[in-house]
Each structure stands twice: as C-alpha cells, then as structure tokens.
Amino acid sequence: MTLAQWLQQAASQLQTLSPMAADDARLLLCHQLNVSSSYLYSHADECLSEANTAALAALLKRAVQGEPLAYIIGRWPFWNIELEVAPCTLIPRPDTELLVEQALALALPANARVLDLGTGTGAIALALACNRPLWQVTAAEKVTAAVELARRNAQQLAAANCTVLQSNWFSAVSGQQFDLIVSNPPYIEPDDPHLPALKHEPLSALVAPEHGLADIAIICQQAPAFLTAQGWLWLEHGYNQAEAVRQLLTTAGFSQVQSRKDYGGNWRISGGCLYQAEH
C-alpha cells in the first residue's frame, strides 16, 4: 500500500468521527514515519513497509475507537510551542490561547511575576514564559503525574524562567505576590451533555460543582491576597458563565472587570484588575 492509498483509506474510516479526517490521517502517518507533511506529498507513491502498516493499523484503530489524536501521538501544538501530552491532563485547545493572547497584551512590568493555576501540561505558563523571557512564571498543579509532565515540557522548551510546583491552587505559593494570575480551571457542570465526548480526558480537570463555578469562585476569592497592587486575574470559563464570573470578580474586589469572546464567538475568558489603575 502506498502512502497516498493509506491516507485515503484512513480518512475514509475517520470521516464520521472528525470533520478534519484527512488532516488527522496525515498527522498519524507523519507521526509513525517521523516525517513532515510535505514528505507525504513528495513521496505519495512510496510503499509502506509491513512493520509500518501494522503499526499504523494499531494507531488508526485507537483513533476510530474515539481516543483523542493528541494522546495517540503524545504531542500537541499550543500557541507557538509544542507540548508533550498524556491522559493525566487536558489536551491544550485553541480557545485557551485567548488567555495567552490577553496576558501578552497587558501592560505588565518587564520582569512580571505570573502564576498559572492548574497548569496541566504547562501550556499557558510555558507559552507565556517562552514569549516573555524576562517574566518569572510559576505553574501550579495538584496532580503529581501532571506536575512531572509540565516539568518535562519546561525542560524540553528550555524555559528556565518557568517553575512548576505541586500545589492545590494557592497552597504552595503562600506569602508570594504576582502581577498576573491566569487559570483554566474545571468549569463544566457535572450533568453537562457534552461530557461523554470528553471521556478520555481527566474528569477532575473538567468538572466543578455549583453549576461549574466552584473552583472559579475559590480562585476569585483567594487571588487578591496573592496579587500586587493593580495585579490582574484572568480566567477561562464556559460560554454561558461570563456574567456569573464577572459578578464573582466584582464581589472579590476587582475593577475593570471584562469578558472576551473566543474565536468561535463564545464568551470564553473574564478578568479584572485588583485596583483601579491610576490616571
């Protein structure tokens, strides 16, 4: 079987599962052969070895059974970096890049201190650390396996300005203050109908009680003690939670409270400044 024939066959099997079936097939083939996409085009008539054919059949079976491509490949892009991923953490998503975009747009000190709560793979923290080498970024994560994963990613990206700590929200940063706190916490309601589609990802990183707002409420309430004067807090949340999150921020003493929509037009992040900026 040639590379082109395998791609066609794989895309056909994946088309009912993914709107990007052809792209997914290419990713699997590039992963197995350790080649670029351009190689597949220039070597379309090359025949697969028996060993590669067998290995690809196993990979494709996992994909057809619904396992996320990111877990099959073990790496995934986020912002302008690539990360190791594993089932102990969420797969970084394009919507979360909005948090990075917002953070990089803030007028923070050149040597800003930044805290990323519930870092998972380290996606947000490492995107910020790699794009702002003078910032000192702390990535906090409760799950031991995820802490180890984030540390590996920091090492692979040579992000010496990012420190990964095992921490249940603020537990490991007592007495410290930051110019910016960011977080993509669990915010899905326990009975959300979309949860079955996320069955391969850790439930603890997805679901929160109190209509999905429990962890966001904790962060809003505790963050002021860890922020510098005029420090910012920005949070990712569900498409229908913006108003509730803005209220939580206001109640906690934040000003300039605002929300932003993601690339799909849904309200996705909200944030505020601890004190009103001086004029």
Protein backbone atom coordinates (compact mmCIF):
# COMPACT_ATOMS: atom_id res chain seq x y z
CA MET A 1 0.00 0.00 0.00
CA THR A 2 1.33 3.46 -0.92
CA LEU A 3 1.29 6.47 1.38
CA ALA A 4 -1.45 8.06 -0.72
CA GLN A 5 -3.59 4.92 -0.56
CA TRP A 6 -3.20 4.65 3.20
CA LEU A 7 -4.17 8.31 3.67
CA GLN A 8 -7.30 7.82 1.58
CA GLN A 9 -8.28 4.68 3.48
CA ALA A 10 -7.62 6.21 6.89
CA ALA A 11 -9.52 9.41 6.09
CA SER A 12 -12.49 7.32 4.97
CA GLN A 13 -12.55 5.46 8.30
CA LEU A 14 -12.23 8.67 10.32
CA GLN A 15 -14.71 10.84 8.42
CA THR A 16 -17.68 10.00 10.64
CA LEU A 17 -15.66 10.87 13.76
CA SER A 18 -13.84 14.01 12.74
CA PRO A 19 -14.53 16.98 10.47
CA MET A 20 -10.76 17.06 9.90
CA ALA A 21 -10.44 13.39 8.90
CA ALA A 22 -7.88 13.98 6.14
CA ASP A 23 -5.74 16.14 8.44
CA ASP A 24 -5.99 13.57 11.22
CA ALA A 25 -4.86 10.81 8.86
CA ARG A 26 -1.87 12.90 7.80
CA LEU A 27 -0.93 13.52 11.43
CA LEU A 28 -0.98 9.80 12.18
CA LEU A 29 1.12 8.97 9.15
CA CYS A 30 3.64 11.74 9.85
CA HIS A 31 3.90 10.56 13.45
CA GLN A 32 4.54 6.94 12.52
CA LEU A 33 7.05 7.71 9.78
CA ASN A 34 8.58 10.69 11.63
CA VAL A 35 8.31 12.88 8.54
CA SER A 36 6.78 16.25 7.61
CA SER A 37 3.52 16.73 5.73
CA SER A 38 5.46 17.88 2.68
CA TYR A 39 7.19 14.49 2.63
CA LEU A 40 3.84 12.76 2.22
CA TYR A 41 3.09 14.82 -0.89
CA SER A 42 6.51 14.32 -2.49
CA HIS A 43 6.57 10.57 -1.70
CA ALA A 44 2.89 9.78 -2.27
CA ASP A 45 3.72 6.68 -4.34
CA GLU A 46 6.16 5.25 -1.79
CA CYS A 47 5.08 1.89 -0.35
CA LEU A 48 4.69 1.31 3.37
CA SER A 49 6.72 -1.45 4.98
CA GLU A 50 4.90 -4.31 6.68
CA ALA A 51 6.04 -3.05 10.07
CA ASN A 52 4.72 0.44 9.43
CA THR A 53 1.48 -0.91 8.02
CA ALA A 54 0.89 -2.95 11.17
CA ALA A 55 1.80 -0.05 13.45
CA LEU A 56 -0.48 2.32 11.56
CA ALA A 57 -3.35 -0.16 11.76
CA ALA A 58 -3.00 -0.13 15.56
CA LEU A 59 -2.89 3.67 15.69
CA LEU A 60 -5.89 4.00 13.39
CA LYS A 61 -7.88 1.53 15.47
CA ARG A 62 -7.35 3.69 18.55
CA ALA A 63 -8.47 6.78 16.64
CA VAL A 64 -11.57 5.05 15.26
CA GLN A 65 -12.48 4.00 18.81
CA GLY A 66 -12.52 7.67 19.77
CA GLU A 67 -9.20 8.10 21.54
CA PRO A 68 -8.04 11.70 21.00
CA LEU A 69 -5.33 12.09 18.39
CA ALA A 70 -3.24 14.13 20.83
CA TYR A 71 -2.98 11.16 23.22
CA ILE A 72 -2.17 8.76 20.39
CA ILE A 73 0.62 10.98 19.07
CA GLY A 74 1.73 12.13 22.51
CA ARG A 75 2.41 15.73 21.45
CA TRP A 76 0.19 18.69 20.56
CA PRO A 77 0.68 22.30 19.41
CA PHE A 78 -0.38 25.26 21.54
CA TRP A 79 0.21 28.93 20.69
CA ASN A 80 3.72 28.84 19.13
CA ILE A 81 5.07 25.88 21.11
CA GLU A 82 4.60 22.11 21.06
CA LEU A 83 3.89 20.11 24.20
CA GLU A 84 4.05 16.53 25.37
CA VAL A 85 0.54 15.44 26.33
CA ALA A 86 -0.83 12.46 28.25
CA PRO A 87 -4.19 11.27 29.65
CA CYS A 88 -3.33 12.69 33.09
CA THR A 89 -4.03 16.18 31.71
CA LEU A 90 -6.39 18.00 29.39
CA ILE A 91 -5.42 18.40 25.76
CA PRO A 92 -4.49 22.07 25.13
CA ARG A 93 -7.15 23.73 22.99
CA PRO A 94 -7.13 26.75 20.67
CA ASP A 95 -9.77 28.53 22.80
CA THR A 96 -7.33 28.62 25.71
CA GLU A 97 -4.85 30.52 23.54
CA LEU A 98 -7.12 33.51 24.17
CA LEU A 99 -5.78 33.61 27.74
CA VAL A 100 -2.23 33.78 26.40
CA GLU A 101 -3.17 36.50 23.93
CA GLN A 102 -4.81 38.55 26.68
CA ALA A 103 -1.89 38.10 29.08
CA LEU A 104 0.67 39.18 26.49
CA ALA A 105 -1.42 42.29 25.72
CA LEU A 106 -1.41 43.54 29.33
CA ALA A 107 0.85 46.40 30.39
CA LEU A 108 2.81 44.41 32.96
CA PRO A 109 6.28 45.13 34.37
CA ALA A 110 9.16 43.92 32.19
CA ASN A 111 10.07 41.38 34.87
CA ALA A 112 6.49 40.48 35.75
CA ARG A 113 5.74 37.62 38.11
CA VAL A 114 2.99 35.38 36.74
CA LEU A 115 1.09 32.44 38.27
CA ASP A 116 -0.77 29.82 36.22
CA LEU A 117 -3.16 27.81 38.39
CA GLY A 118 -4.00 24.22 37.37
CA THR A 119 -1.34 24.25 34.68
CA GLY A 120 -1.85 20.69 33.37
CA THR A 121 0.64 20.24 30.53
CA GLY A 122 2.05 23.67 31.37
CA ALA A 123 0.52 25.08 28.18
CA ILE A 124 -0.41 28.58 29.36
CA ALA A 125 2.59 29.03 31.65
CA LEU A 126 5.10 27.83 29.07
CA ALA A 127 3.60 29.86 26.22
CA LEU A 128 3.98 32.95 28.40
CA ALA A 129 7.47 32.02 29.61
CA CYS A 130 8.73 31.33 26.09
CA ASN A 131 7.30 34.58 24.70
CA ARG A 132 8.37 36.76 27.64
CA PRO A 133 11.83 35.53 28.71
CA LEU A 134 12.11 38.21 31.41
CA TRP A 135 8.90 37.17 33.13
CA GLN A 136 9.14 34.81 36.08
CA VAL A 137 6.34 32.27 35.63
CA THR A 138 5.13 29.84 38.27
CA ALA A 139 2.96 26.92 37.15
CA ALA A 140 0.87 25.31 39.90
CA GLU A 141 -0.67 21.85 39.52
CA LYS A 142 -2.24 19.43 42.01
CA VAL A 143 -1.90 16.11 40.13
CA THR A 144 1.54 14.52 40.56
CA ALA A 145 1.69 12.98 37.06
CA ALA A 146 0.73 16.32 35.51
CA VAL A 147 3.41 18.13 37.55
CA GLU A 148 6.03 15.74 36.17
CA LEU A 149 4.67 16.21 32.64
CA ALA A 150 4.73 20.01 32.89
CA ARG A 151 8.30 19.88 34.20
CA ARG A 152 9.34 17.73 31.23
CA ASN A 153 7.74 20.24 28.88
CA ALA A 154 9.54 23.12 30.58
CA GLN A 155 12.83 21.28 30.21
CA GLN A 156 12.21 20.39 26.57
CA LEU A 157 11.39 24.03 25.80
CA ALA A 158 14.39 25.27 27.81
CA ALA A 159 12.02 27.56 29.73
CA ALA A 160 14.33 28.32 32.65
CA ASN A 161 12.03 31.18 33.72
CA CYS A 162 9.16 28.76 34.44
CA THR A 163 8.93 26.88 37.75
CA VAL A 164 6.42 24.06 38.16
CA LEU A 165 5.12 23.45 41.68
CA GLN A 166 2.81 20.80 43.10
CA SER A 167 0.06 22.91 44.58
CA ASN A 168 -3.67 22.75 45.29
CA TRP A 169 -4.48 26.17 43.86
CA PHE A 170 -2.51 28.62 46.07
CA SER A 171 -1.26 26.15 48.69
CA ALA A 172 2.40 26.15 47.59
CA VAL A 173 2.80 29.90 46.97
CA SER A 174 1.97 31.20 50.45
CA GLY A 175 3.33 34.71 51.00
CA GLN A 176 4.12 35.31 47.32
CA GLN A 177 2.61 38.02 45.14
CA PHE A 178 2.15 38.13 41.39
CA ASP A 179 1.45 40.77 38.77
CA LEU A 180 -0.83 38.38 36.89
CA ILE A 181 -2.71 35.20 37.76
CA VAL A 182 -4.22 33.10 34.97
CA SER A 183 -6.15 29.85 35.10
CA ASN A 184 -8.13 27.42 33.01
CA PRO A 185 -9.87 25.66 35.93
CA PRO A 186 -12.59 22.98 35.84
CA TYR A 187 -15.83 24.72 34.87
CA ILE A 188 -18.15 22.13 33.29
CA GLU A 189 -21.33 21.19 35.16
CA PRO A 190 -21.44 17.56 36.38
CA ASP A 191 -24.52 16.81 34.24
CA ASP A 192 -23.33 18.61 31.10
CA PRO A 193 -24.47 16.64 28.00
CA HIS A 194 -21.08 17.23 26.30
CA LEU A 195 -19.12 15.26 28.92
CA PRO A 196 -19.37 11.85 27.17
CA ALA A 197 -17.41 13.29 24.25
CA LEU A 198 -14.59 14.07 26.70
CA LYS A 199 -14.49 10.62 28.30
CA HIS A 200 -10.79 10.12 27.59
CA GLU A 201 -9.76 13.26 29.49
CA PRO A 202 -9.49 13.51 33.31
CA LEU A 203 -12.85 14.36 34.86
CA SER A 204 -11.19 16.22 37.75
CA ALA A 205 -9.79 18.76 35.29
CA LEU A 206 -13.16 19.30 33.61
CA VAL A 207 -15.98 19.22 36.16
CA ALA A 208 -16.78 21.50 39.08
CA PRO A 209 -19.84 21.61 41.36
CA GLU A 210 -22.08 24.65 41.90
CA HIS A 211 -23.00 24.87 38.21
CA GLY A 212 -19.34 24.56 37.26
CA LEU A 213 -18.35 27.65 39.25
CA ALA A 214 -16.95 26.20 42.48
CA ASP A 215 -13.26 26.35 41.56
CA ILE A 216 -13.60 29.70 39.80
CA ALA A 217 -15.19 31.09 42.97
CA ILE A 218 -12.31 29.83 45.12
CA ILE A 219 -9.75 31.42 42.80
CA CYS A 220 -11.61 34.77 42.69
CA GLN A 221 -11.95 34.87 46.48
CA GLN A 222 -8.33 33.93 47.25
CA ALA A 223 -6.48 35.67 44.41
CA PRO A 224 -6.42 39.20 45.90
CA ALA A 225 -4.07 38.03 48.67
CA PHE A 226 -1.57 36.89 46.03
CA LEU A 227 -1.72 39.90 43.68
CA THR A 228 0.35 43.06 43.63
CA ALA A 229 -1.40 46.42 43.55
CA GLN A 230 -3.04 46.70 40.14
CA GLY A 231 -2.40 43.00 39.53
CA TRP A 232 -4.66 41.15 37.09
CA LEU A 233 -6.65 37.91 37.26
CA TRP A 234 -7.88 36.27 34.06
CA LEU A 235 -9.90 33.04 33.91
CA GLU A 236 -11.23 30.72 31.26
CA HIS A 237 -14.88 29.66 31.71
CA GLY A 238 -17.88 28.19 29.94
CA TYR A 239 -19.72 30.01 27.17
CA ASN A 240 -22.69 30.72 29.46
CA GLN A 241 -20.74 31.68 32.61
CA ALA A 242 -19.34 35.11 31.74
CA GLU A 243 -21.91 37.11 33.70
CA ALA A 244 -21.55 34.91 36.79
CA VAL A 245 -17.74 35.07 36.65
CA ARG A 246 -17.80 38.86 36.27
CA GLN A 247 -20.00 39.01 39.37
CA LEU A 248 -17.56 36.82 41.30
CA LEU A 249 -14.68 39.08 40.27
CA THR A 250 -16.55 42.23 41.25
CA THR A 251 -17.55 40.77 44.62
CA ALA A 252 -13.91 39.84 45.27
CA GLY A 253 -12.87 43.48 44.79
CA PHE A 254 -11.70 43.53 41.18
CA SER A 255 -12.26 46.51 38.91
CA GLN A 256 -12.05 46.93 35.12
CA VAL A 257 -13.93 43.62 35.02
CA GLN A 258 -14.48 42.43 31.46
CA SER A 259 -15.03 39.38 29.25
CA ARG A 260 -13.75 38.36 25.83
CA LYS A 261 -15.11 36.03 23.19
CA ASP A 262 -13.16 33.10 21.74
CA TYR A 263 -12.51 32.52 18.06
CA GLY A 264 -15.88 30.76 17.78
CA GLY A 265 -17.77 33.80 19.07
CA ASN A 266 -18.48 32.40 22.56
CA TRP A 267 -17.71 34.22 25.79
CA ARG A 268 -14.60 32.38 26.98
CA ILE A 269 -12.45 34.42 29.38
CA SER A 270 -13.12 37.06 32.02
CA GLY A 271 -10.78 39.09 34.14
CA GLY A 272 -10.21 42.14 36.26
CA CYS A 273 -7.62 44.34 37.92
CA LEU A 274 -7.27 44.33 41.69
CA TYR A 275 -7.29 48.09 41.94
CA GLN A 276 -8.42 50.74 39.51
CA ALA A 277 -5.43 51.99 37.50
CA GLU A 278 -4.27 55.48 38.40
CA HIS A 279 -4.84 58.27 35.89
